[in-house]
Amino acid sequence: MQLDRRICRFYRRWHDLETGLGHHKGLVIDFDMAPRLESGPLAPFASRAQAITECQALVDTVAQWLPEGTLHGDPNGPRNPSYTHAKLGGSLAYLWALTGERLPFADFLQATMGIAPRRVDEETLLRLTTKVVKHCADRGIAWAPSGRTAFRRLLGREDLNGFEDELRAAARNQVERLDLLVPGLPPPEYAIKVVCVDAYWCNWIDGSVEDGVTLQVNTHERNDYQKASPIDLAAHEIAGHAAHVAALRRSAAEGRIDANTLNLTVHACDAFQMEGLAQAALHVLSDVGPEAGPLIADLRLTEALRELNGARMGNAQLDVEAGQRMSEVWRRLQHDLPLSGTLSTRASLRDRSRSPLHRVYIHVYAPARRMFLRLLDLSAAARAPIVRALYEEMWTPGQIEQLIAGVPPDTVRQRHIAPPAP
């Protein structure tokens, strides 16, 4: 389809433009898995202004296939018009941010990720804190800065010797569980690379048609790894991201999704689904197969900490966005998250404040996790077809909420659904 090819060309030309901008570049395509539809290389856009013009034209064109558009129901349009429109709209907002525009946070989050910001209330924070404190007490870890030493001694690992072998073994186990829940998904293929960079991420997975999928393990001092990290990473990065990308590639090859869907980004609504699915994988797969059962104690503690940290850091970002002094936000965070190192906490807020990408991408982890963990309220039988739809297609956050509520995919695909309530 001509429109499909045009969207692929847009993302490829914009990606190549940004790649040549040095320190000022913005990340465009994360997984560059769209089929190569051109016979030769494409010329990058000459400027971001040129990319903005084309992106705006694509947003306006795709709008014709939305339910209220003039071409609604035309089979020549996008297979999921709402998703394609939302993703392109997120790219347009991100492009403008790269030129220096700084929208209010609520507007920017809505435009890029397709969700509204939501402050986690004090009652919920207290419940999450109480849960973590109990896990720590059960392990003899003080809920105070003094507890960091005991936490690292009991849960941490001294080095990464043998880490890759442990990760690959855990990945095989998690992928086997996924195959039991959703039989027939294509097996993920990936490489592992150890790096050391000052970045907010402990691990980053991306890839391209030419290079395949690569998982980078970041050993920078701001990151800590635990004895159970291979299980966590195997679920998130391999049974989550790598398996998801493999399923999407097959869907595109079979014509069930548009080729441009495989221009996967981290600045638009596709990030909400990618990260929500990956974060839920550990929990969704824990009760599948002959080894089904609760998570091991280390993972119960680290997952409880992740839930609390996500909620608390999200609130802290909203405070900074509202104009509160960074020193006061830091002070409250150090009080509320005593096991978190100062370097990690401050670096996370720094990244969210400085970068248009990290401003929304890091923030989206916690709300995506909360929505996808609603899958745990369903039986395995009810959960399986929804998980399959989430692996084999891409959806807006509002559509995902409808899928989890039990609305059939064929119905959801043809709806223009409002963003989830905050």
Protein backbone atom coordinates (compact mmCIF):
# COMPACT_ATOMS: atom_id res chain seq x y z
CA MET A 1 0.00 0.00 0.00
CA GLN A 2 1.33 3.42 -0.94
CA LEU A 3 0.50 5.03 2.42
CA ASP A 4 2.23 2.22 4.30
CA ARG A 5 5.38 2.68 2.24
CA ARG A 6 5.22 6.45 2.68
CA ILE A 7 5.11 6.11 6.48
CA CYS A 8 8.06 3.70 6.43
CA ARG A 9 10.00 6.18 4.30
CA PHE A 10 9.19 8.98 6.72
CA TYR A 11 10.53 7.14 9.75
CA ARG A 12 13.64 5.91 7.93
CA ARG A 13 14.52 9.37 6.55
CA TRP A 14 13.90 11.05 9.91
CA HIS A 15 15.94 8.39 11.75
CA ASP A 16 18.86 8.91 9.36
CA LEU A 17 18.63 12.68 9.79
CA GLU A 18 18.85 12.39 13.59
CA THR A 19 21.70 9.89 13.40
CA GLY A 20 23.86 12.57 11.79
CA LEU A 21 23.17 15.27 14.38
CA GLY A 22 25.77 14.18 16.96
CA HIS A 23 25.01 15.13 20.57
CA HIS A 24 21.84 16.94 19.47
CA LYS A 25 20.26 13.86 17.91
CA GLY A 26 16.97 12.38 19.02
CA LEU A 27 16.23 8.67 19.12
CA VAL A 28 13.66 7.80 16.46
CA ILE A 29 13.47 4.08 15.62
CA ASP A 30 14.27 1.66 18.42
CA PHE A 31 13.55 -1.63 16.65
CA ASP A 32 14.13 -0.96 12.95
CA MET A 33 12.33 -4.07 11.73
CA ALA A 34 10.16 -2.73 8.92
CA PRO A 35 10.61 -4.67 5.67
CA ARG A 36 12.98 -2.96 3.27
CA LEU A 37 10.60 -1.74 0.57
CA GLU A 38 13.08 0.42 -1.36
CA SER A 39 15.56 -0.77 -3.97
CA GLY A 40 18.28 1.59 -2.70
CA PRO A 41 19.21 3.91 0.18
CA LEU A 42 16.90 6.80 1.05
CA ALA A 43 18.14 10.36 1.40
CA PRO A 44 17.70 11.67 4.97
CA PHE A 45 15.46 14.68 5.48
CA ALA A 46 17.43 17.88 5.01
CA SER A 47 16.14 19.28 8.31
CA ARG A 48 13.71 18.69 11.12
CA ALA A 49 11.47 21.31 9.55
CA GLN A 50 11.17 19.09 6.47
CA ALA A 51 10.42 16.07 8.68
CA ILE A 52 7.73 18.06 10.53
CA THR A 53 6.04 18.99 7.25
CA GLU A 54 5.88 15.36 6.13
CA CYS A 55 4.76 14.10 9.54
CA GLN A 56 1.94 16.65 9.71
CA ALA A 57 0.81 15.63 6.23
CA LEU A 58 0.75 11.97 7.28
CA VAL A 59 -1.22 12.75 10.45
CA ASP A 60 -3.81 14.59 8.35
CA THR A 61 -3.93 11.79 5.77
CA VAL A 62 -4.42 8.98 8.29
CA ALA A 63 -7.15 10.99 10.06
CA GLN A 64 -9.37 10.32 7.03
CA TRP A 65 -9.61 6.64 8.08
CA LEU A 66 -10.64 7.33 11.69
CA PRO A 67 -14.31 6.62 12.56
CA GLU A 68 -15.26 10.24 11.99
CA GLY A 69 -13.12 10.52 8.83
CA THR A 70 -14.24 10.54 5.21
CA LEU A 71 -12.55 7.21 4.37
CA HIS A 72 -13.66 5.24 7.44
CA GLY A 73 -14.17 1.61 6.46
CA ASP A 74 -12.11 1.88 3.26
CA PRO A 75 -9.99 -1.34 3.17
CA ASN A 76 -7.09 0.52 1.59
CA GLY A 77 -6.38 2.37 4.82
CA PRO A 78 -4.28 1.41 7.85
CA ARG A 79 -5.26 -1.87 9.52
CA ASN A 80 -5.56 -0.06 12.85
CA PRO A 81 -6.17 3.60 11.96
CA SER A 82 -6.34 4.80 15.58
CA TYR A 83 -2.98 3.29 16.41
CA THR A 84 -1.25 4.63 13.29
CA HIS A 85 -2.73 8.08 13.84
CA ALA A 86 -1.72 8.15 17.51
CA LYS A 87 1.82 7.01 16.76
CA LEU A 88 2.33 9.61 14.03
CA GLY A 89 0.84 12.25 16.30
CA GLY A 90 3.35 11.26 18.98
CA SER A 91 6.18 11.56 16.48
CA LEU A 92 4.98 15.04 15.49
CA ALA A 93 4.90 16.19 19.13
CA TYR A 94 8.37 14.74 19.72
CA LEU A 95 9.73 16.43 16.60
CA TRP A 96 8.48 19.79 17.82
CA ALA A 97 10.05 19.11 21.24
CA LEU A 98 13.38 18.40 19.55
CA THR A 99 13.19 21.87 17.99
CA GLY A 100 12.87 23.42 21.47
CA GLU A 101 9.11 23.43 22.12
CA ARG A 102 8.29 22.54 25.74
CA LEU A 103 4.60 21.81 26.17
CA PRO A 104 3.10 21.49 29.65
CA PHE A 105 3.81 17.95 30.85
CA ALA A 106 0.20 16.75 30.68
CA ASP A 107 -0.12 17.93 27.08
CA PHE A 108 3.21 16.41 26.03
CA LEU A 109 2.54 13.06 27.71
CA GLN A 110 -0.90 12.90 26.08
CA ALA A 111 0.47 13.83 22.66
CA THR A 112 3.35 11.34 22.73
CA MET A 113 2.36 8.37 24.91
CA GLY A 114 -1.42 8.68 24.67
CA ILE A 115 -2.03 8.83 28.42
CA ALA A 116 -2.72 11.48 31.03
CA PRO A 117 -0.41 11.96 34.02
CA ARG A 118 -1.70 10.50 37.26
CA ARG A 119 -0.41 11.25 40.73
CA VAL A 120 -0.37 8.19 42.97
CA ASP A 121 -2.32 9.04 46.12
CA GLU A 122 -0.82 8.89 49.61
CA GLU A 123 -2.96 5.92 50.64
CA THR A 124 -1.61 3.84 47.76
CA LEU A 125 1.97 4.93 48.47
CA LEU A 126 1.54 3.89 52.10
CA ARG A 127 0.23 0.48 51.02
CA LEU A 128 3.14 -0.03 48.63
CA THR A 129 5.65 1.10 51.27
CA THR A 130 4.16 -1.22 53.88
CA LYS A 131 4.47 -4.13 51.46
CA VAL A 132 8.15 -3.38 50.80
CA VAL A 133 8.94 -2.86 54.47
CA LYS A 134 7.45 -6.27 55.28
CA HIS A 135 9.51 -7.99 52.56
CA CYS A 136 12.62 -6.26 53.90
CA ALA A 137 11.84 -7.19 57.50
CA ASP A 138 11.38 -10.83 56.49
CA ARG A 139 14.94 -10.74 55.11
CA GLY A 140 16.44 -8.76 58.00
CA ILE A 141 16.92 -5.60 55.91
CA ALA A 142 16.36 -2.28 57.66
CA TRP A 143 14.09 0.17 55.81
CA ALA A 144 16.72 2.89 56.15
CA PRO A 145 19.94 3.95 54.39
CA SER A 146 21.76 1.53 56.68
CA GLY A 147 19.82 -1.28 55.01
CA ARG A 148 21.57 -0.83 51.67
CA THR A 149 24.54 -2.92 52.81
CA ALA A 150 22.33 -5.82 53.93
CA PHE A 151 20.27 -5.56 50.73
CA ARG A 152 23.36 -5.85 48.53
CA ARG A 153 24.81 -8.64 50.68
CA LEU A 154 21.65 -10.74 50.60
CA LEU A 155 20.37 -10.04 47.10
CA GLY A 156 23.29 -8.59 45.17
CA ARG A 157 26.00 -10.24 43.14
CA GLU A 158 29.68 -9.39 43.35
CA ASP A 159 30.31 -9.50 39.61
CA LEU A 160 28.81 -10.58 36.30
CA ASN A 161 30.82 -13.77 35.92
CA GLY A 162 28.53 -16.39 34.41
CA PHE A 163 25.77 -13.82 33.97
CA GLU A 164 25.23 -14.45 30.26
CA ASP A 165 24.89 -18.21 30.71
CA GLU A 166 22.41 -17.70 33.56
CA LEU A 167 20.45 -15.22 31.46
CA ARG A 168 20.23 -17.53 28.47
CA ALA A 169 19.10 -20.45 30.64
CA ALA A 170 16.45 -18.28 32.28
CA ALA A 171 15.37 -17.00 28.85
CA ARG A 172 14.79 -20.53 27.61
CA ASN A 173 12.59 -21.19 30.64
CA GLN A 174 10.57 -18.00 30.23
CA VAL A 175 10.06 -18.53 26.48
CA GLU A 176 8.90 -22.10 27.16
CA ARG A 177 6.32 -20.71 29.59
CA LEU A 178 5.19 -18.17 27.00
CA ASP A 179 4.77 -20.95 24.43
CA LEU A 180 2.55 -22.85 26.86
CA LEU A 181 0.37 -19.79 27.44
CA VAL A 182 0.29 -18.64 23.80
CA PRO A 183 1.35 -21.58 21.61
CA GLY A 184 2.95 -21.02 18.25
CA LEU A 185 4.66 -17.64 18.67
CA PRO A 186 7.96 -17.53 16.75
CA PRO A 187 11.05 -18.06 18.96
CA PRO A 188 13.06 -14.90 19.68
CA GLU A 189 16.62 -14.58 18.39
CA TYR A 190 19.05 -12.20 20.10
CA ALA A 191 22.66 -11.38 21.02
CA ILE A 192 24.02 -10.07 24.34
CA LYS A 193 26.57 -7.25 24.71
CA VAL A 194 28.12 -5.85 27.94
CA VAL A 195 28.57 -2.04 28.02
CA CYS A 196 29.33 0.69 30.59
CA VAL A 197 27.49 3.98 29.98
CA ASP A 198 26.07 6.70 32.25
CA ALA A 199 22.43 6.24 31.30
CA TYR A 200 19.17 5.71 33.16
CA TRP A 201 18.86 2.12 31.89
CA CYS A 202 20.41 -1.02 33.30
CA ASN A 203 19.57 -2.87 30.11
CA TRP A 204 18.59 -1.81 26.62
CA ILE A 205 17.35 -4.01 23.82
CA ASP A 206 16.95 -2.87 20.22
CA GLY A 207 17.70 -4.08 16.75
CA SER A 208 17.39 -3.84 12.99
CA VAL A 209 16.63 -6.08 10.05
CA GLU A 210 20.34 -6.19 9.18
CA ASP A 211 21.83 -6.63 12.68
CA GLY A 212 19.13 -8.59 14.48
CA VAL A 213 18.18 -7.99 18.13
CA THR A 214 20.83 -7.10 20.74
CA LEU A 215 20.44 -6.89 24.51
CA GLN A 216 22.96 -4.53 26.14
CA VAL A 217 23.80 -5.10 29.82
CA ASN A 218 24.97 -1.83 31.42
CA THR A 219 27.61 -2.20 34.17
CA HIS A 220 27.82 1.51 35.12
CA GLU A 221 28.15 2.21 38.86
CA ARG A 222 24.69 3.78 39.04
CA ASN A 223 23.20 0.33 38.33
CA ASP A 224 22.99 -2.69 40.61
CA TYR A 225 22.42 -6.31 39.64
CA GLN A 226 20.98 -8.96 41.90
CA LYS A 227 21.36 -12.72 42.03
CA ALA A 228 17.87 -13.02 40.53
CA SER A 229 18.49 -10.46 37.77
CA PRO A 230 18.87 -13.12 35.04
CA ILE A 231 15.29 -14.29 35.67
CA ASP A 232 13.97 -10.73 35.70
CA LEU A 233 15.84 -9.80 32.52
CA ALA A 234 14.90 -13.01 30.76
CA ALA A 235 11.21 -12.31 31.30
CA HIS A 236 11.37 -8.59 30.49
CA GLU A 237 13.88 -8.42 27.67
CA ILE A 238 13.58 -11.82 25.98
CA ALA A 239 10.10 -13.28 26.68
CA GLY A 240 8.87 -9.68 26.65
CA HIS A 241 10.62 -7.48 24.08
CA ALA A 242 12.45 -9.98 21.85
CA ALA A 243 9.50 -12.36 21.62
CA HIS A 244 7.17 -9.43 20.97
CA VAL A 245 9.30 -8.17 18.09
CA ALA A 246 9.52 -11.67 16.61
CA ALA A 247 5.72 -12.02 16.74
CA LEU A 248 5.20 -8.60 15.15
CA ARG A 249 7.60 -9.44 12.33
CA ARG A 250 5.62 -12.58 11.55
CA SER A 251 2.34 -10.63 11.66
CA ALA A 252 3.75 -8.14 9.16
CA ALA A 253 5.00 -10.93 6.88
CA GLU A 254 1.51 -12.46 6.93
CA GLY A 255 -0.12 -9.11 6.18
CA ARG A 256 -1.94 -8.86 9.53
CA ILE A 257 -0.29 -5.55 10.48
CA ASP A 258 1.11 -2.72 8.37
CA ALA A 259 4.82 -2.78 7.58
CA ASN A 260 5.29 0.65 9.19
CA THR A 261 4.21 -0.81 12.54
CA LEU A 262 7.70 -2.31 12.67
CA ASN A 263 9.26 1.17 12.76
CA LEU A 264 9.05 0.78 16.55
CA THR A 265 9.78 3.89 18.57
CA VAL A 266 10.21 4.85 22.23
CA HIS A 267 8.84 8.39 21.89
CA ALA A 268 5.24 7.53 20.96
CA CYS A 269 2.42 5.28 22.15
CA ASP A 270 4.13 2.08 20.98
CA ALA A 271 6.44 2.51 24.00
CA PHE A 272 3.47 2.16 26.36
CA GLN A 273 2.62 -1.27 24.98
CA MET A 274 6.21 -2.47 24.61
CA GLU A 275 7.14 -1.59 28.19
CA GLY A 276 3.85 -2.61 29.75
CA LEU A 277 3.98 -6.05 28.15
CA ALA A 278 7.64 -6.58 29.08
CA GLN A 279 7.11 -5.57 32.71
CA ALA A 280 4.08 -7.82 33.08
CA ALA A 281 5.77 -10.86 31.50
CA LEU A 282 7.48 -12.02 34.72
CA HIS A 283 4.15 -12.07 36.57
CA VAL A 284 1.94 -13.32 33.74
CA LEU A 285 4.27 -16.26 33.08
CA SER A 286 4.99 -17.17 36.71
CA ASP A 287 1.90 -19.38 37.03
CA VAL A 288 2.35 -21.17 33.69
CA GLY A 289 3.77 -24.65 33.14
CA PRO A 290 5.09 -27.40 35.42
CA GLU A 291 7.18 -24.91 37.44
CA ALA A 292 4.23 -22.59 38.06
CA GLY A 293 4.17 -20.89 41.42
CA PRO A 294 4.90 -17.64 43.23
CA LEU A 295 8.02 -15.67 42.46
CA ILE A 296 11.10 -16.48 44.52
CA ALA A 297 11.64 -14.29 47.60
CA ASP A 298 14.32 -12.12 45.97
CA LEU A 299 12.03 -11.27 43.07
CA ARG A 300 9.06 -10.60 45.34
CA LEU A 301 11.17 -8.00 47.13
CA THR A 302 12.67 -6.39 44.01
CA GLU A 303 9.29 -6.29 42.25
CA ALA A 304 7.68 -4.66 45.29
CA LEU A 305 10.51 -2.12 45.28
CA ARG A 306 10.05 -1.52 41.55
CA GLU A 307 6.35 -0.82 42.05
CA LEU A 308 7.02 1.63 44.88
CA ASN A 309 9.93 3.31 43.08
CA GLY A 310 7.88 3.77 39.91
CA ALA A 311 4.99 5.35 41.78
CA ARG A 312 7.20 7.57 43.91
CA MET A 313 9.49 8.68 41.08
CA GLY A 314 6.48 9.45 38.90
CA ASN A 315 5.11 11.73 41.60
CA ALA A 316 8.52 13.36 41.99
CA GLN A 317 8.63 14.15 38.28
CA LEU A 318 5.20 15.75 38.50
CA ASP A 319 6.50 17.86 41.38
CA VAL A 320 9.49 19.01 39.32
CA GLU A 321 7.24 19.72 36.33
CA ALA A 322 5.05 21.83 38.63
CA GLY A 323 8.05 23.99 39.51
CA GLN A 324 9.12 22.63 42.88
CA ARG A 325 12.78 22.98 43.79
CA MET A 326 14.87 19.97 42.89
CA SER A 327 16.60 20.00 46.28
CA GLU A 328 13.27 19.58 48.09
CA VAL A 329 12.12 16.82 45.72
CA TRP A 330 15.42 14.98 46.27
CA ARG A 331 15.10 15.29 50.04
CA ARG A 332 11.64 13.73 50.05
CA LEU A 333 12.72 10.95 47.70
CA GLN A 334 15.68 10.03 49.89
CA HIS A 335 13.33 9.85 52.87
CA ASP A 336 10.72 7.75 51.06
CA LEU A 337 13.14 5.47 49.16
CA PRO A 338 15.97 4.89 51.65
CA LEU A 339 17.37 1.83 49.84
CA SER A 340 17.83 3.75 46.58
CA GLY A 341 21.23 5.29 46.04
CA THR A 342 21.50 9.06 45.74
CA LEU A 343 23.28 8.78 42.37
CA SER A 344 20.52 6.71 40.82
CA THR A 345 17.71 8.88 42.17
CA ARG A 346 19.22 12.18 41.10
CA ALA A 347 20.32 10.84 37.71
CA SER A 348 16.79 9.65 36.97
CA LEU A 349 15.25 13.05 37.69
CA ARG A 350 18.04 14.74 35.74
CA ASP A 351 17.36 12.60 32.68
CA ARG A 352 13.61 13.22 32.82
CA SER A 353 14.15 16.97 33.12
CA ARG A 354 16.75 17.42 30.40
CA SER A 355 15.64 15.18 27.57
CA PRO A 356 12.38 15.47 25.60
CA LEU A 357 12.52 11.69 25.09
CA HIS A 358 13.21 10.70 28.69
CA ARG A 359 10.66 13.22 29.93
CA VAL A 360 7.89 10.90 28.72
CA TYR A 361 9.55 7.56 28.07
CA ILE A 362 10.87 6.95 31.60
CA HIS A 363 7.61 8.24 33.06
CA VAL A 364 5.53 5.76 31.06
CA TYR A 365 6.96 2.64 32.72
CA ALA A 366 4.93 2.86 35.93
CA PRO A 367 1.47 3.52 34.43
CA ALA A 368 2.07 0.91 31.70
CA ARG A 369 3.00 -1.63 34.36
CA ARG A 370 -0.13 -0.86 36.38
CA MET A 371 -2.42 -1.37 33.37
CA PHE A 372 -0.81 -4.58 32.13
CA LEU A 373 -0.77 -6.17 35.57
CA ARG A 374 -4.57 -6.12 35.42
CA LEU A 375 -4.07 -9.26 33.34
CA LEU A 376 -3.39 -11.03 36.64
CA ASP A 377 -7.04 -10.53 37.60
CA LEU A 378 -8.00 -12.91 34.78
CA SER A 379 -7.77 -16.68 34.63
CA ALA A 380 -5.09 -18.18 32.38
CA ALA A 381 -7.78 -19.18 29.88
CA ALA A 382 -9.21 -15.65 29.71
CA ARG A 383 -5.74 -14.11 29.71
CA ALA A 384 -4.29 -16.11 26.80
CA PRO A 385 -6.19 -14.57 23.82
CA ILE A 386 -5.53 -11.07 25.15
CA VAL A 387 -1.81 -11.79 25.55
CA ARG A 388 -1.76 -13.15 21.99
CA ALA A 389 -3.36 -9.96 20.64
CA LEU A 390 -0.81 -7.88 22.56
CA TYR A 391 2.11 -9.85 21.12
CA GLU A 392 0.88 -10.02 17.52
CA GLU A 393 -0.42 -6.46 17.01
CA MET A 394 0.14 -2.92 18.27
CA TRP A 395 -2.54 -0.86 20.01
CA THR A 396 -3.09 2.52 21.64
CA PRO A 397 -3.27 2.67 25.47
CA GLY A 398 -7.03 3.19 25.25
CA GLN A 399 -7.39 0.15 23.02
CA ILE A 400 -5.27 -1.94 25.38
CA GLU A 401 -7.54 -1.03 28.25
CA GLN A 402 -10.49 -2.26 26.17
CA LEU A 403 -8.72 -5.52 25.28
CA ILE A 404 -7.98 -6.26 28.94
CA ALA A 405 -11.63 -5.54 29.70
CA GLY A 406 -12.57 -8.31 27.28
CA VAL A 407 -13.61 -6.39 24.15
CA PRO A 408 -12.79 -8.52 21.04
CA PRO A 409 -9.76 -7.37 19.02
CA ASP A 410 -11.77 -7.02 15.78
CA THR A 411 -14.08 -4.56 17.56
CA VAL A 412 -11.26 -2.65 19.24
CA ARG A 413 -9.32 -2.32 15.99
CA GLN A 414 -12.11 -0.36 14.35
CA ARG A 415 -12.76 2.00 17.24
CA HIS A 416 -11.25 5.39 17.95
CA ILE A 417 -11.02 4.94 21.72
CA ALA A 418 -10.33 7.78 24.11
CA PRO A 419 -7.13 7.66 26.20
CA PRO A 420 -7.37 5.87 29.55
CA ALA A 421 -8.66 7.90 32.48
CA PRO A 422 -5.86 9.21 34.72
